[in-house]
Amino acid sequence: GFTLDYYAFAWFRQAPGKEREGVSCISSSGSETLYADSVKGRF
């Protein structure tokens, strides 16, 4: 119902008993990405 191209998006994860953790971010154009240290090189 709506387009995605105006804003950055991010992935988060939460394991039982743990805080929600930021995993990855991608800019609106897709040209810029950011990763948590724990997933760099794998995700």
PDB file of all heavy atoms in Angstrom:
ATOM      1  N   GLY A   1       0.759  -1.235   0.000  1.00  0.00           N
ATOM      2  CA  GLY A   1       0.000   0.000   0.000  1.00  0.00           C
ATOM      3  C   GLY A   1       0.792   1.288   0.000  1.00  0.00           C
ATOM      4  O   GLY A   1       0.185   2.352  -0.133  1.00  0.00           O
ATOM      5  N   PHE A   2       2.095   1.226   0.159  1.00  0.00           N
ATOM      6  CA  PHE A   2       2.899   2.435   0.077  1.00  0.00           C
ATOM      7  C   PHE A   2       4.297   2.102  -0.410  1.00  0.00           C
ATOM      8  O   PHE A   2       4.745   0.954  -0.312  1.00  0.00           O
ATOM      9  CB  PHE A   2       2.937   3.190   1.417  1.00  0.00           C
ATOM     10  CG  PHE A   2       3.686   2.501   2.514  1.00  0.00           C
ATOM     11  CD1 PHE A   2       4.989   2.861   2.812  1.00  0.00           C
ATOM     12  CD2 PHE A   2       3.075   1.510   3.271  1.00  0.00           C
ATOM     13  CE1 PHE A   2       5.673   2.245   3.846  1.00  0.00           C
ATOM     14  CE2 PHE A   2       3.756   0.886   4.307  1.00  0.00           C
ATOM     15  CZ  PHE A   2       5.050   1.254   4.590  1.00  0.00           C
ATOM     16  N   THR A   3       4.986   3.116  -0.910  1.00  0.00           N
ATOM     17  CA  THR A   3       6.323   2.920  -1.456  1.00  0.00           C
ATOM     18  C   THR A   3       7.375   3.066  -0.370  1.00  0.00           C
ATOM     19  O   THR A   3       7.166   3.716   0.650  1.00  0.00           O
ATOM     20  CB  THR A   3       6.608   3.909  -2.593  1.00  0.00           C
ATOM     21  OG1 THR A   3       6.483   5.251  -2.096  1.00  0.00           O
ATOM     22  CG2 THR A   3       5.623   3.705  -3.733  1.00  0.00           C
ATOM     23  N   LEU A   4       8.548   2.480  -0.613  1.00  0.00           N
ATOM     24  CA  LEU A   4       9.622   2.433   0.369  1.00  0.00           C
ATOM     25  C   LEU A   4      10.739   3.432   0.116  1.00  0.00           C
ATOM     26  O   LEU A   4      11.638   3.563   0.942  1.00  0.00           O
ATOM     27  CB  LEU A   4      10.234   1.033   0.397  1.00  0.00           C
ATOM     28  CG  LEU A   4       9.328  -0.146   0.727  1.00  0.00           C
ATOM     29  CD1 LEU A   4      10.121  -1.437   0.604  1.00  0.00           C
ATOM     30  CD2 LEU A   4       8.750   0.001   2.110  1.00  0.00           C
ATOM     31  N   ASP A   5      10.710   4.134  -0.985  1.00  0.00           N
ATOM     32  CA  ASP A   5      11.902   4.815  -1.461  1.00  0.00           C
ATOM     33  C   ASP A   5      12.201   6.165  -0.829  1.00  0.00           C
ATOM     34  O   ASP A   5      13.181   6.806  -1.213  1.00  0.00           O
ATOM     35  CB  ASP A   5      11.856   4.962  -2.981  1.00  0.00           C
ATOM     36  CG  ASP A   5      10.636   5.724  -3.464  1.00  0.00           C
ATOM     37  OD1 ASP A   5       9.620   5.778  -2.757  1.00  0.00           O
ATOM     38  OD2 ASP A   5      10.699   6.274  -4.588  1.00  0.00           O
ATOM     39  N   TYR A   6      11.417   6.617   0.137  1.00  0.00           N
ATOM     40  CA  TYR A   6      11.633   7.951   0.697  1.00  0.00           C
ATOM     41  C   TYR A   6      12.507   7.969   1.941  1.00  0.00           C
ATOM     42  O   TYR A   6      13.045   9.025   2.290  1.00  0.00           O
ATOM     43  CB  TYR A   6      10.293   8.607   1.032  1.00  0.00           C
ATOM     44  CG  TYR A   6       9.444   8.914  -0.179  1.00  0.00           C
ATOM     45  CD1 TYR A   6       8.232   8.269  -0.377  1.00  0.00           C
ATOM     46  CD2 TYR A   6       9.862   9.848  -1.118  1.00  0.00           C
ATOM     47  CE1 TYR A   6       7.447   8.547  -1.481  1.00  0.00           C
ATOM     48  CE2 TYR A   6       9.089  10.135  -2.228  1.00  0.00           C
ATOM     49  CZ  TYR A   6       7.879   9.482  -2.406  1.00  0.00           C
ATOM     50  OH  TYR A   6       7.101   9.761  -3.510  1.00  0.00           O
ATOM     51  N   TYR A   7      12.649   6.852   2.619  1.00  0.00           N
ATOM     52  CA  TYR A   7      13.335   6.836   3.902  1.00  0.00           C
ATOM     53  C   TYR A   7      14.266   5.647   4.014  1.00  0.00           C
ATOM     54  O   TYR A   7      14.136   4.650   3.321  1.00  0.00           O
ATOM     55  CB  TYR A   7      12.323   6.801   5.054  1.00  0.00           C
ATOM     56  CG  TYR A   7      11.439   8.014   5.116  1.00  0.00           C
ATOM     57  CD1 TYR A   7      10.170   8.005   4.556  1.00  0.00           C
ATOM     58  CD2 TYR A   7      11.880   9.186   5.735  1.00  0.00           C
ATOM     59  CE1 TYR A   7       9.358   9.125   4.606  1.00  0.00           C
ATOM     60  CE2 TYR A   7      11.072  10.305   5.782  1.00  0.00           C
ATOM     61  CZ  TYR A   7       9.812  10.268   5.210  1.00  0.00           C
ATOM     62  OH  TYR A   7       9.012  11.381   5.258  1.00  0.00           O
ATOM     63  N   ALA A   8      15.206   5.773   4.948  1.00  0.00           N
ATOM     64  CA  ALA A   8      16.048   4.646   5.291  1.00  0.00           C
ATOM     65  C   ALA A   8      15.238   3.572   6.024  1.00  0.00           C
ATOM     66  O   ALA A   8      14.254   3.870   6.704  1.00  0.00           O
ATOM     67  CB  ALA A   8      17.204   5.105   6.170  1.00  0.00           C
ATOM     68  N   PHE A   9      15.665   2.323   5.875  1.00  0.00           N
ATOM     69  CA  PHE A   9      15.062   1.198   6.580  1.00  0.00           C
ATOM     70  C   PHE A   9      16.131   0.450   7.347  1.00  0.00           C
ATOM     71  O   PHE A   9      17.305   0.475   6.983  1.00  0.00           O
ATOM     72  CB  PHE A   9      14.372   0.249   5.602  1.00  0.00           C
ATOM     73  CG  PHE A   9      13.000   0.690   5.197  1.00  0.00           C
ATOM     74  CD1 PHE A   9      12.833   1.704   4.266  1.00  0.00           C
ATOM     75  CD2 PHE A   9      11.874   0.108   5.745  1.00  0.00           C
ATOM     76  CE1 PHE A   9      11.570   2.121   3.890  1.00  0.00           C
ATOM     77  CE2 PHE A   9      10.604   0.515   5.379  1.00  0.00           C
ATOM     78  CZ  PHE A   9      10.442   1.522   4.454  1.00  0.00           C
ATOM     79  N   ALA A  10      15.712  -0.210   8.379  1.00  0.00           N
ATOM     80  CA  ALA A  10      16.649  -0.973   9.182  1.00  0.00           C
ATOM     81  C   ALA A  10      16.046  -2.307   9.595  1.00  0.00           C
ATOM     82  O   ALA A  10      14.827  -2.453   9.702  1.00  0.00           O
ATOM     83  CB  ALA A  10      17.066  -0.191  10.433  1.00  0.00           C
ATOM     84  N   TRP A  11      16.925  -3.267   9.818  1.00  0.00           N
ATOM     85  CA  TRP A  11      16.577  -4.555  10.391  1.00  0.00           C
ATOM     86  C   TRP A  11      17.040  -4.605  11.838  1.00  0.00           C
ATOM     87  O   TRP A  11      18.156  -4.176  12.158  1.00  0.00           O
ATOM     88  CB  TRP A  11      17.222  -5.706   9.618  1.00  0.00           C
ATOM     89  CG  TRP A  11      16.614  -5.971   8.283  1.00  0.00           C
ATOM     90  CD1 TRP A  11      17.009  -5.477   7.080  1.00  0.00           C
ATOM     91  CD2 TRP A  11      15.495  -6.822   8.018  1.00  0.00           C
ATOM     92  NE1 TRP A  11      16.211  -5.961   6.074  1.00  0.00           N
ATOM     93  CE2 TRP A  11      15.258  -6.790   6.625  1.00  0.00           C
ATOM     94  CE3 TRP A  11      14.664  -7.607   8.811  1.00  0.00           C
ATOM     95  CZ2 TRP A  11      14.234  -7.512   6.013  1.00  0.00           C
ATOM     96  CZ3 TRP A  11      13.637  -8.324   8.213  1.00  0.00           C
ATOM     97  CH2 TRP A  11      13.435  -8.263   6.831  1.00  0.00           C
ATOM     98  N   PHE A  12      16.193  -5.134  12.691  1.00  0.00           N
ATOM     99  CA  PHE A  12      16.494  -5.336  14.097  1.00  0.00           C
ATOM    100  C   PHE A  12      16.219  -6.791  14.450  1.00  0.00           C
ATOM    101  O   PHE A  12      15.520  -7.491  13.728  1.00  0.00           O
ATOM    102  CB  PHE A  12      15.633  -4.425  14.981  1.00  0.00           C
ATOM    103  CG  PHE A  12      15.837  -2.962  14.735  1.00  0.00           C
ATOM    104  CD1 PHE A  12      15.167  -2.310  13.711  1.00  0.00           C
ATOM    105  CD2 PHE A  12      16.706  -2.231  15.524  1.00  0.00           C
ATOM    106  CE1 PHE A  12      15.353  -0.959  13.479  1.00  0.00           C
ATOM    107  CE2 PHE A  12      16.901  -0.873  15.305  1.00  0.00           C
ATOM    108  CZ  PHE A  12      16.226  -0.244  14.280  1.00  0.00           C
ATOM    109  N   ARG A  13      16.758  -7.222  15.562  1.00  0.00           N
ATOM    110  CA  ARG A  13      16.458  -8.566  16.043  1.00  0.00           C
ATOM    111  C   ARG A  13      16.389  -8.572  17.562  1.00  0.00           C
ATOM    112  O   ARG A  13      17.013  -7.760  18.231  1.00  0.00           O
ATOM    113  CB  ARG A  13      17.493  -9.586  15.549  1.00  0.00           C
ATOM    114  CG  ARG A  13      18.899  -9.391  16.095  1.00  0.00           C
ATOM    115  CD  ARG A  13      19.868 -10.351  15.415  1.00  0.00           C
ATOM    116  NE  ARG A  13      21.215 -10.245  15.953  1.00  0.00           N
ATOM    117  CZ  ARG A  13      22.267 -10.879  15.455  1.00  0.00           C
ATOM    118  NH1 ARG A  13      22.136 -11.670  14.392  1.00  0.00           N
ATOM    119  NH2 ARG A  13      23.463 -10.720  16.016  1.00  0.00           N
ATOM    120  N   GLN A  14      15.626  -9.510  18.080  1.00  0.00           N
ATOM    121  CA  GLN A  14      15.499  -9.651  19.517  1.00  0.00           C
ATOM    122  C   GLN A  14      15.412 -11.127  19.881  1.00  0.00           C
ATOM    123  O   GLN A  14      14.515 -11.834  19.431  1.00  0.00           O
ATOM    124  CB  GLN A  14      14.275  -8.911  20.052  1.00  0.00           C
ATOM    125  CG  GLN A  14      14.211  -8.871  21.565  1.00  0.00           C
ATOM    126  CD  GLN A  14      13.203  -7.865  22.073  1.00  0.00           C
ATOM    127  OE1 GLN A  14      12.225  -7.550  21.398  1.00  0.00           O
ATOM    128  NE2 GLN A  14      13.438  -7.350  23.266  1.00  0.00           N
ATOM    129  N   ALA A  15      16.359 -11.561  20.677  1.00  0.00           N
ATOM    130  CA  ALA A  15      16.374 -12.922  21.186  1.00  0.00           C
ATOM    131  C   ALA A  15      15.708 -12.952  22.552  1.00  0.00           C
ATOM    132  O   ALA A  15      15.652 -11.928  23.245  1.00  0.00           O
ATOM    133  CB  ALA A  15      17.808 -13.434  21.278  1.00  0.00           C
ATOM    134  N   PRO A  16      15.193 -14.108  22.974  1.00  0.00           N
ATOM    135  CA  PRO A  16      14.548 -14.195  24.285  1.00  0.00           C
ATOM    136  C   PRO A  16      15.456 -13.719  25.403  1.00  0.00           C
ATOM    137  O   PRO A  16      16.617 -14.120  25.495  1.00  0.00           O
ATOM    138  CB  PRO A  16      14.238 -15.693  24.418  1.00  0.00           C
ATOM    139  CG  PRO A  16      14.107 -16.175  23.014  1.00  0.00           C
ATOM    140  CD  PRO A  16      15.130 -15.385  22.245  1.00  0.00           C
ATOM    141  N   GLY A  17      14.927 -12.843  26.244  1.00  0.00           N
ATOM    142  CA  GLY A  17      15.673 -12.345  27.378  1.00  0.00           C
ATOM    143  C   GLY A  17      16.718 -11.299  27.063  1.00  0.00           C
ATOM    144  O   GLY A  17      17.469 -10.903  27.958  1.00  0.00           O
ATOM    145  N   LYS A  18      16.787 -10.851  25.817  1.00  0.00           N
ATOM    146  CA  LYS A  18      17.785  -9.871  25.427  1.00  0.00           C
ATOM    147  C   LYS A  18      17.133  -8.622  24.855  1.00  0.00           C
ATOM    148  O   LYS A  18      15.974  -8.640  24.440  1.00  0.00           O
ATOM    149  CB  LYS A  18      18.746 -10.472  24.390  1.00  0.00           C
ATOM    150  CG  LYS A  18      19.563 -11.640  24.905  1.00  0.00           C
ATOM    151  CD  LYS A  18      20.548 -12.123  23.863  1.00  0.00           C
ATOM    152  CE  LYS A  18      21.391 -13.273  24.386  1.00  0.00           C
ATOM    153  NZ  LYS A  18      22.361 -13.742  23.358  1.00  0.00           N
ATOM    154  N   GLU A  19      17.891  -7.544  24.838  1.00  0.00           N
ATOM    155  CA  GLU A  19      17.412  -6.296  24.274  1.00  0.00           C
ATOM    156  C   GLU A  19      17.335  -6.390  22.756  1.00  0.00           C
ATOM    157  O   GLU A  19      18.052  -7.161  22.126  1.00  0.00           O
ATOM    158  CB  GLU A  19      18.330  -5.139  24.664  1.00  0.00           C
ATOM    159  CG  GLU A  19      18.351  -4.823  26.142  1.00  0.00           C
ATOM    160  CD  GLU A  19      19.269  -3.663  26.461  1.00  0.00           C
ATOM    161  OE1 GLU A  19      20.148  -3.350  25.632  1.00  0.00           O
ATOM    162  OE2 GLU A  19      19.109  -3.059  27.535  1.00  0.00           O
ATOM    163  N   ARG A  20      16.462  -5.577  22.179  1.00  0.00           N
ATOM    164  CA  ARG A  20      16.388  -5.494  20.737  1.00  0.00           C
ATOM    165  C   ARG A  20      17.656  -4.847  20.198  1.00  0.00           C
ATOM    166  O   ARG A  20      18.104  -3.819  20.715  1.00  0.00           O
ATOM    167  CB  ARG A  20      15.157  -4.693  20.312  1.00  0.00           C
ATOM    168  CG  ARG A  20      14.893  -4.706  18.817  1.00  0.00           C
ATOM    169  CD  ARG A  20      13.510  -4.172  18.515  1.00  0.00           C
ATOM    170  NE  ARG A  20      13.328  -2.819  19.009  1.00  0.00           N
ATOM    171  CZ  ARG A  20      12.142  -2.211  19.114  1.00  0.00           C
ATOM    172  NH1 ARG A  20      11.042  -2.859  18.772  1.00  0.00           N
ATOM    173  NH2 ARG A  20      12.075  -0.970  19.574  1.00  0.00           N
ATOM    174  N   GLU A  21      18.215  -5.436  19.154  1.00  0.00           N
ATOM    175  CA  GLU A  21      19.505  -5.049  18.623  1.00  0.00           C
ATOM    176  C   GLU A  21      19.382  -4.610  17.175  1.00  0.00           C
ATOM    177  O   GLU A  21      18.757  -5.297  16.363  1.00  0.00           O
ATOM    178  CB  GLU A  21      20.468  -6.236  18.719  1.00  0.00           C
ATOM    179  CG  GLU A  21      21.814  -6.031  18.057  1.00  0.00           C
ATOM    180  CD  GLU A  21      22.619  -7.308  17.958  1.00  0.00           C
ATOM    181  OE1 GLU A  21      22.018  -8.399  18.085  1.00  0.00           O
ATOM    182  OE2 GLU A  21      23.847  -7.227  17.762  1.00  0.00           O
ATOM    183  N   GLY A  22      19.982  -3.496  16.841  1.00  0.00           N
ATOM    184  CA  GLY A  22      20.046  -3.076  15.459  1.00  0.00           C
ATOM    185  C   GLY A  22      20.998  -3.951  14.670  1.00  0.00           C
ATOM    186  O   GLY A  22      22.116  -4.214  15.119  1.00  0.00           O
ATOM    187  N   VAL A  23      20.579  -4.400  13.500  1.00  0.00           N
ATOM    188  CA  VAL A  23      21.357  -5.315  12.679  1.00  0.00           C
ATOM    189  C   VAL A  23      21.933  -4.629  11.450  1.00  0.00           C
ATOM    190  O   VAL A  23      23.120  -4.750  11.147  1.00  0.00           O
ATOM    191  CB  VAL A  23      20.507  -6.527  12.257  1.00  0.00           C
ATOM    192  CG1 VAL A  23      21.294  -7.434  11.318  1.00  0.00           C
ATOM    193  CG2 VAL A  23      20.041  -7.300  13.479  1.00  0.00           C
ATOM    194  N   SER A  24      21.084  -3.915  10.714  1.00  0.00           N
ATOM    195  CA  SER A  24      21.523  -3.314   9.466  1.00  0.00           C
ATOM    196  C   SER A  24      20.608  -2.170   9.078  1.00  0.00           C
ATOM    197  O   SER A  24      19.415  -2.179   9.395  1.00  0.00           O
ATOM    198  CB  SER A  24      21.544  -4.366   8.351  1.00  0.00           C
ATOM    199  OG  SER A  24      22.051  -3.834   7.146  1.00  0.00           O
ATOM    200  N   CYS A  25      21.171  -1.212   8.387  1.00  0.00           N
ATOM    201  CA  CYS A  25      20.422  -0.065   7.884  1.00  0.00           C
ATOM    202  C   CYS A  25      20.748   0.113   6.412  1.00  0.00           C
ATOM    203  O   CYS A  25      21.879  -0.138   5.988  1.00  0.00           O
ATOM    204  CB  CYS A  25      20.796   1.200   8.667  1.00  0.00           C
ATOM    205  SG  CYS A  25      19.969   2.718   8.136  1.00  0.00           S
ATOM    206  N   ILE A  26      19.760   0.554   5.648  1.00  0.00           N
ATOM    207  CA  ILE A  26      19.971   0.843   4.239  1.00  0.00           C
ATOM    208  C   ILE A  26      19.307   2.169   3.900  1.00  0.00           C
ATOM    209  O   ILE A  26      18.182   2.446   4.330  1.00  0.00           O
ATOM    210  CB  ILE A  26      19.447  -0.303   3.340  1.00  0.00           C
ATOM    211  CG1 ILE A  26      19.790  -0.044   1.875  1.00  0.00           C
ATOM    212  CG2 ILE A  26      17.952  -0.528   3.537  1.00  0.00           C
ATOM    213  CD1 ILE A  26      19.612  -1.273   0.990  1.00  0.00           C
ATOM    214  N   SER A  27      20.011   2.994   3.150  1.00  0.00           N
ATOM    215  CA  SER A  27      19.506   4.309   2.806  1.00  0.00           C
ATOM    216  C   SER A  27      18.355   4.207   1.810  1.00  0.00           C
ATOM    217  O   SER A  27      18.086   3.157   1.233  1.00  0.00           O
ATOM    218  CB  SER A  27      20.631   5.170   2.226  1.00  0.00           C
ATOM    219  OG  SER A  27      21.105   4.631   1.005  1.00  0.00           O
ATOM    220  N   SER A  28      17.675   5.322   1.606  1.00  0.00           N
ATOM    221  CA  SER A  28      16.509   5.329   0.730  1.00  0.00           C
ATOM    222  C   SER A  28      16.833   4.893  -0.695  1.00  0.00           C
ATOM    223  O   SER A  28      16.009   4.238  -1.348  1.00  0.00           O
ATOM    224  CB  SER A  28      15.865   6.716   0.722  1.00  0.00           C
ATOM    225  OG  SER A  28      16.777   7.701   0.272  1.00  0.00           O
ATOM    226  N   SER A  29      18.003   5.240  -1.175  1.00  0.00           N
ATOM    227  CA  SER A  29      18.406   4.866  -2.528  1.00  0.00           C
ATOM    228  C   SER A  29      19.019   3.476  -2.605  1.00  0.00           C
ATOM    229  O   SER A  29      19.157   2.924  -3.696  1.00  0.00           O
ATOM    230  CB  SER A  29      19.413   5.873  -3.075  1.00  0.00           C
ATOM    231  OG  SER A  29      20.641   5.790  -2.381  1.00  0.00           O
ATOM    232  N   GLY A  30      19.401   2.936  -1.463  1.00  0.00           N
ATOM    233  CA  GLY A  30      20.085   1.663  -1.439  1.00  0.00           C
ATOM    234  C   GLY A  30      21.588   1.755  -1.600  1.00  0.00           C
ATOM    235  O   GLY A  30      22.277   0.728  -1.554  1.00  0.00           O
ATOM    236  N   SER A  31      22.115   2.959  -1.773  1.00  0.00           N
ATOM    237  CA  SER A  31      23.528   3.125  -2.037  1.00  0.00           C
ATOM    238  C   SER A  31      24.391   3.107  -0.781  1.00  0.00           C
ATOM    239  O   SER A  31      25.615   2.976  -0.882  1.00  0.00           O
ATOM    240  CB  SER A  31      23.772   4.433  -2.794  1.00  0.00           C
ATOM    241  OG  SER A  31      23.393   5.550  -2.011  1.00  0.00           O
ATOM    242  N   GLU A  32      23.790   3.244   0.367  1.00  0.00           N
ATOM    243  CA  GLU A  32      24.529   3.307   1.626  1.00  0.00           C
ATOM    244  C   GLU A  32      23.967   2.268   2.585  1.00  0.00           C
ATOM    245  O   GLU A  32      22.756   2.194   2.777  1.00  0.00           O
ATOM    246  CB  GLU A  32      24.414   4.704   2.222  1.00  0.00           C
ATOM    247  CG  GLU A  32      25.224   4.931   3.484  1.00  0.00           C
ATOM    248  CD  GLU A  32      25.103   6.365   3.949  1.00  0.00           C
ATOM    249  OE1 GLU A  32      24.064   6.707   4.556  1.00  0.00           O
ATOM    250  OE2 GLU A  32      26.040   7.148   3.689  1.00  0.00           O
ATOM    251  N   THR A  33      24.848   1.485   3.178  1.00  0.00           N
ATOM    252  CA  THR A  33      24.431   0.463   4.132  1.00  0.00           C
ATOM    253  C   THR A  33      25.272   0.523   5.389  1.00  0.00           C
ATOM    254  O   THR A  33      26.383   1.043   5.391  1.00  0.00           O
ATOM    255  CB  THR A  33      24.524  -0.944   3.518  1.00  0.00           C
ATOM    256  OG1 THR A  33      25.868  -1.190   3.087  1.00  0.00           O
ATOM    257  CG2 THR A  33      23.584  -1.081   2.328  1.00  0.00           C
ATOM    258  N   LEU A  34      24.733  -0.032   6.461  1.00  0.00           N
ATOM    259  CA  LEU A  34      25.391  -0.035   7.754  1.00  0.00           C
ATOM    260  C   LEU A  34      25.081  -1.364   8.423  1.00  0.00           C
ATOM    261  O   LEU A  34      23.951  -1.854   8.350  1.00  0.00           O
ATOM    262  CB  LEU A  34      24.876   1.130   8.604  1.00  0.00           C
ATOM    263  CG  LEU A  34      25.437   1.288  10.015  1.00  0.00           C
ATOM    264  CD1 LEU A  34      26.904   1.698   9.951  1.00  0.00           C
ATOM    265  CD2 LEU A  34      24.612   2.315  10.788  1.00  0.00           C
ATOM    266  N   TYR A  35      26.083  -1.946   9.095  1.00  0.00           N
ATOM    267  CA  TYR A  35      25.918  -3.243   9.732  1.00  0.00           C
ATOM    268  C   TYR A  35      26.452  -3.226  11.148  1.00  0.00           C
ATOM    269  O   TYR A  35      27.457  -2.570  11.452  1.00  0.00           O
ATOM    270  CB  TYR A  35      26.652  -4.336   8.954  1.00  0.00           C
ATOM    271  CG  TYR A  35      26.158  -4.524   7.547  1.00  0.00           C
ATOM    272  CD1 TYR A  35      26.767  -3.862   6.487  1.00  0.00           C
ATOM    273  CD2 TYR A  35      25.081  -5.366   7.280  1.00  0.00           C
ATOM    274  CE1 TYR A  35      26.305  -4.031   5.190  1.00  0.00           C
ATOM    275  CE2 TYR A  35      24.620  -5.537   5.988  1.00  0.00           C
ATOM    276  CZ  TYR A  35      25.237  -4.870   4.947  1.00  0.00           C
ATOM    277  OH  TYR A  35      24.776  -5.044   3.656  1.00  0.00           O
ATOM    278  N   ALA A  36      25.794  -3.969  12.006  1.00  0.00           N
ATOM    279  CA  ALA A  36      26.346  -4.216  13.321  1.00  0.00           C
ATOM    280  C   ALA A  36      27.623  -5.033  13.190  1.00  0.00           C
ATOM    281  O   ALA A  36      27.763  -5.861  12.279  1.00  0.00           O
ATOM    282  CB  ALA A  36      25.335  -4.967  14.186  1.00  0.00           C
ATOM    283  N   ASP A  37      28.560  -4.818  14.098  1.00  0.00           N
ATOM    284  CA  ASP A  37      29.826  -5.540  14.030  1.00  0.00           C
ATOM    285  C   ASP A  37      29.631  -7.052  14.043  1.00  0.00           C
ATOM    286  O   ASP A  37      30.391  -7.789  13.410  1.00  0.00           O
ATOM    287  CB  ASP A  37      30.727  -5.135  15.192  1.00  0.00           C
ATOM    288  CG  ASP A  37      31.290  -3.735  15.048  1.00  0.00           C
ATOM    289  OD1 ASP A  37      31.271  -3.191  13.932  1.00  0.00           O
ATOM    290  OD2 ASP A  37      31.754  -3.186  16.059  1.00  0.00           O
ATOM    291  N   SER A  38      28.619  -7.517  14.734  1.00  0.00           N
ATOM    292  CA  SER A  38      28.399  -8.943  14.883  1.00  0.00           C
ATOM    293  C   SER A  38      27.987  -9.641  13.589  1.00  0.00           C
ATOM    294  O   SER A  38      28.080 -10.867  13.492  1.00  0.00           O
ATOM    295  CB  SER A  38      27.337  -9.208  15.952  1.00  0.00           C
ATOM    296  OG  SER A  38      26.114  -8.582  15.616  1.00  0.00           O
ATOM    297  N   VAL A  39      27.535  -8.877  12.587  1.00  0.00           N
ATOM    298  CA  VAL A  39      27.071  -9.492  11.347  1.00  0.00           C
ATOM    299  C   VAL A  39      27.856  -9.045  10.123  1.00  0.00           C
ATOM    300  O   VAL A  39      27.592  -9.539   9.015  1.00  0.00           O
ATOM    301  CB  VAL A  39      25.569  -9.230  11.109  1.00  0.00           C
ATOM    302  CG1 VAL A  39      24.752  -9.666  12.317  1.00  0.00           C
ATOM    303  CG2 VAL A  39      25.308  -7.761  10.790  1.00  0.00           C
ATOM    304  N   LYS A  40      28.802  -8.156  10.282  1.00  0.00           N
ATOM    305  CA  LYS A  40      29.582  -7.676   9.140  1.00  0.00           C
ATOM    306  C   LYS A  40      30.270  -8.834   8.426  1.00  0.00           C
ATOM    307  O   LYS A  40      30.850  -9.711   9.055  1.00  0.00           O
ATOM    308  CB  LYS A  40      30.632  -6.665   9.594  1.00  0.00           C
ATOM    309  CG  LYS A  40      30.072  -5.302   9.936  1.00  0.00           C
ATOM    310  CD  LYS A  40      31.182  -4.348  10.369  1.00  0.00           C
ATOM    311  CE  LYS A  40      30.634  -2.979  10.714  1.00  0.00           C
ATOM    312  NZ  LYS A  40      31.694  -2.064  11.201  1.00  0.00           N
ATOM    313  N   GLY A  41      30.187  -8.823   7.111  1.00  0.00           N
ATOM    314  CA  GLY A  41      30.789  -9.866   6.306  1.00  0.00           C
ATOM    315  C   GLY A  41      29.919 -11.077   6.118  1.00  0.00           C
ATOM    316  O   GLY A  41      30.235 -11.940   5.287  1.00  0.00           O
ATOM    317  N   ARG A  42      28.829 -11.183   6.865  1.00  0.00           N
ATOM    318  CA  ARG A  42      27.932 -12.333   6.766  1.00  0.00           C
ATOM    319  C   ARG A  42      26.544 -11.957   6.259  1.00  0.00           C
ATOM    320  O   ARG A  42      25.894 -12.755   5.588  1.00  0.00           O
ATOM    321  CB  ARG A  42      27.800 -13.029   8.119  1.00  0.00           C
ATOM    322  CG  ARG A  42      29.119 -13.554   8.673  1.00  0.00           C
ATOM    323  CD  ARG A  42      28.901 -14.400   9.919  1.00  0.00           C
ATOM    324  NE  ARG A  42      28.307 -13.630  11.013  1.00  0.00           N
ATOM    325  CZ  ARG A  42      27.107 -13.873  11.547  1.00  0.00           C
ATOM    326  NH1 ARG A  42      26.371 -14.888  11.093  1.00  0.00           N
ATOM    327  NH2 ARG A  42      26.651 -13.136  12.541  1.00  0.00           N
ATOM    328  N   PHE A  43      26.081 -10.767   6.604  1.00  0.00           N
ATOM    329  CA  PHE A  43      24.748 -10.321   6.209  1.00  0.00           C
ATOM    330  C   PHE A  43      24.866  -9.229   5.150  1.00  0.00           C
ATOM    331  O   PHE A  43      25.810  -8.428   5.167  1.00  0.00           O
ATOM    332  CB  PHE A  43      23.981  -9.744   7.399  1.00  0.00           C
ATOM    333  CG  PHE A  43      23.554 -10.744   8.435  1.00  0.00           C
ATOM    334  CD1 PHE A  43      24.021 -12.047   8.438  1.00  0.00           C
ATOM    335  CD2 PHE A  43      22.662 -10.360   9.427  1.00  0.00           C
ATOM    336  CE1 PHE A  43      23.623 -12.957   9.400  1.00  0.00           C
ATOM    337  CE2 PHE A  43      22.249 -11.254  10.396  1.00  0.00           C
ATOM    338  CZ  PHE A  43      22.729 -12.556  10.386  1.00  0.00           C
TER     339      PHE A  43
END
